[in-house]
Amino acid sequence: MADQTDMKAHESTYHSVLGMLKYGAVGCFLIAAIVIWLISSGHK
């Protein structure tokens, strides 16, 4: 089994990965929304 120091390192890595995924998903959504807006406004 993992000792306590390994669990602390694991939790730290886990929380940083979750943070990157959260902000990455928001960033991808914003980029997709901008691309869709640019494509739709180009057909006047």
N, C-alpha and C. Protein backbone atom coordinates (compact mmCIF):
# COMPACT_ATOMS: atom_id res chain seq x y z
N MET A 1 0.83 -1.18 0.00
CA MET A 1 0.00 0.00 0.00
C MET A 1 0.87 1.24 0.00
N ALA A 2 0.26 2.32 -0.46
CA ALA A 2 0.98 3.59 -0.49
C ALA A 2 1.00 4.21 0.90
N ASP A 3 2.12 4.83 1.22
CA ASP A 3 2.15 5.51 2.51
C ASP A 3 1.55 6.91 2.38
N GLN A 4 1.53 7.63 3.48
CA GLN A 4 0.82 8.91 3.54
C GLN A 4 1.46 9.96 2.62
N THR A 5 2.78 9.96 2.49
CA THR A 5 3.41 10.96 1.63
C THR A 5 3.07 10.71 0.16
N ASP A 6 2.95 9.45 -0.23
CA ASP A 6 2.53 9.15 -1.60
C ASP A 6 1.11 9.61 -1.85
N MET A 7 0.24 9.47 -0.86
CA MET A 7 -1.15 9.90 -1.02
C MET A 7 -1.23 11.42 -1.15
N LYS A 8 -0.41 12.14 -0.40
CA LYS A 8 -0.42 13.60 -0.50
C LYS A 8 0.05 14.04 -1.88
N ALA A 9 1.07 13.40 -2.42
CA ALA A 9 1.55 13.72 -3.76
C ALA A 9 0.50 13.36 -4.79
N HIS A 10 -0.16 12.24 -4.60
CA HIS A 10 -1.21 11.81 -5.52
C HIS A 10 -2.37 12.81 -5.52
N GLU A 11 -2.81 13.24 -4.33
CA GLU A 11 -3.91 14.19 -4.24
C GLU A 11 -3.54 15.52 -4.88
N SER A 12 -2.32 15.96 -4.71
CA SER A 12 -1.87 17.21 -5.31
C SER A 12 -1.90 17.11 -6.83
N THR A 13 -1.39 16.02 -7.37
CA THR A 13 -1.40 15.82 -8.82
C THR A 13 -2.83 15.70 -9.34
N TYR A 14 -3.66 14.98 -8.62
CA TYR A 14 -5.06 14.78 -9.02
C TYR A 14 -5.78 16.11 -9.11
N HIS A 15 -5.62 16.97 -8.11
CA HIS A 15 -6.30 18.26 -8.11
C HIS A 15 -5.78 19.18 -9.21
N SER A 16 -4.49 19.13 -9.51
CA SER A 16 -3.96 19.97 -10.57
C SER A 16 -4.45 19.49 -11.94
N VAL A 17 -4.56 18.18 -12.13
CA VAL A 17 -5.08 17.65 -13.39
C VAL A 17 -6.55 18.02 -13.56
N LEU A 18 -7.33 17.92 -12.49
CA LEU A 18 -8.74 18.32 -12.57
C LEU A 18 -8.87 19.81 -12.90
N GLY A 19 -8.01 20.63 -12.34
CA GLY A 19 -8.04 22.06 -12.64
C GLY A 19 -7.71 22.33 -14.10
N MET A 20 -6.71 21.63 -14.63
CA MET A 20 -6.36 21.80 -16.05
C MET A 20 -7.51 21.35 -16.95
N LEU A 21 -8.15 20.24 -16.61
CA LEU A 21 -9.27 19.75 -17.41
C LEU A 21 -10.43 20.74 -17.38
N LYS A 22 -10.70 21.30 -16.21
CA LYS A 22 -11.81 22.24 -16.07
C LYS A 22 -11.58 23.48 -16.92
N TYR A 23 -10.41 24.10 -16.78
CA TYR A 23 -10.13 25.31 -17.55
C TYR A 23 -9.90 25.00 -19.02
N GLY A 24 -9.39 23.83 -19.32
CA GLY A 24 -9.23 23.43 -20.72
C GLY A 24 -10.57 23.26 -21.41
N ALA A 25 -11.54 22.69 -20.71
CA ALA A 25 -12.88 22.51 -21.29
C ALA A 25 -13.53 23.86 -21.54
N VAL A 26 -13.39 24.79 -20.61
CA VAL A 26 -13.95 26.13 -20.79
C VAL A 26 -13.26 26.82 -21.96
N GLY A 27 -11.96 26.69 -22.06
CA GLY A 27 -11.22 27.29 -23.16
C GLY A 27 -11.63 26.72 -24.51
N CYS A 28 -11.80 25.41 -24.59
CA CYS A 28 -12.24 24.79 -25.84
C CYS A 28 -13.64 25.25 -26.22
N PHE A 29 -14.52 25.37 -25.24
CA PHE A 29 -15.87 25.85 -25.51
C PHE A 29 -15.85 27.27 -26.06
N LEU A 30 -15.03 28.14 -25.47
CA LEU A 30 -14.94 29.52 -25.95
C LEU A 30 -14.37 29.59 -27.36
N ILE A 31 -13.35 28.82 -27.64
CA ILE A 31 -12.77 28.81 -28.98
C ILE A 31 -13.78 28.29 -29.99
N ALA A 32 -14.51 27.23 -29.65
CA ALA A 32 -15.52 26.70 -30.56
C ALA A 32 -16.62 27.72 -30.80
N ALA A 33 -17.05 28.43 -29.76
CA ALA A 33 -18.09 29.44 -29.91
C ALA A 33 -17.61 30.58 -30.82
N ILE A 34 -16.36 31.00 -30.68
CA ILE A 34 -15.82 32.06 -31.53
C ILE A 34 -15.75 31.60 -32.98
N VAL A 35 -15.31 30.37 -33.22
CA VAL A 35 -15.22 29.84 -34.58
C VAL A 35 -16.62 29.75 -35.21
N ILE A 36 -17.59 29.27 -34.45
CA ILE A 36 -18.95 29.20 -34.98
C ILE A 36 -19.49 30.59 -35.28
N TRP A 37 -19.22 31.56 -34.41
CA TRP A 37 -19.65 32.93 -34.64
C TRP A 37 -18.99 33.51 -35.89
N LEU A 38 -17.70 33.26 -36.08
CA LEU A 38 -17.00 33.77 -37.25
C LEU A 38 -17.54 33.14 -38.55
N ILE A 39 -17.80 31.85 -38.51
CA ILE A 39 -18.33 31.18 -39.70
C ILE A 39 -19.72 31.70 -40.03
N SER A 40 -20.56 31.86 -39.02
CA SER A 40 -21.94 32.28 -39.28
C SER A 40 -22.02 33.74 -39.69
N SER A 41 -21.12 34.59 -39.23
CA SER A 41 -21.16 36.00 -39.61
C SER A 41 -20.51 36.25 -40.96
N GLY A 42 -19.80 35.29 -41.50
CA GLY A 42 -19.13 35.44 -42.79
C GLY A 42 -20.05 35.26 -43.98
N HIS A 43 -21.25 34.78 -43.79
CA HIS A 43 -22.19 34.50 -44.89
C HIS A 43 -23.26 35.55 -44.95
N LYS A 44 -22.89 36.78 -45.30
CA LYS A 44 -23.89 37.85 -45.39
C LYS A 44 -24.36 38.03 -46.80
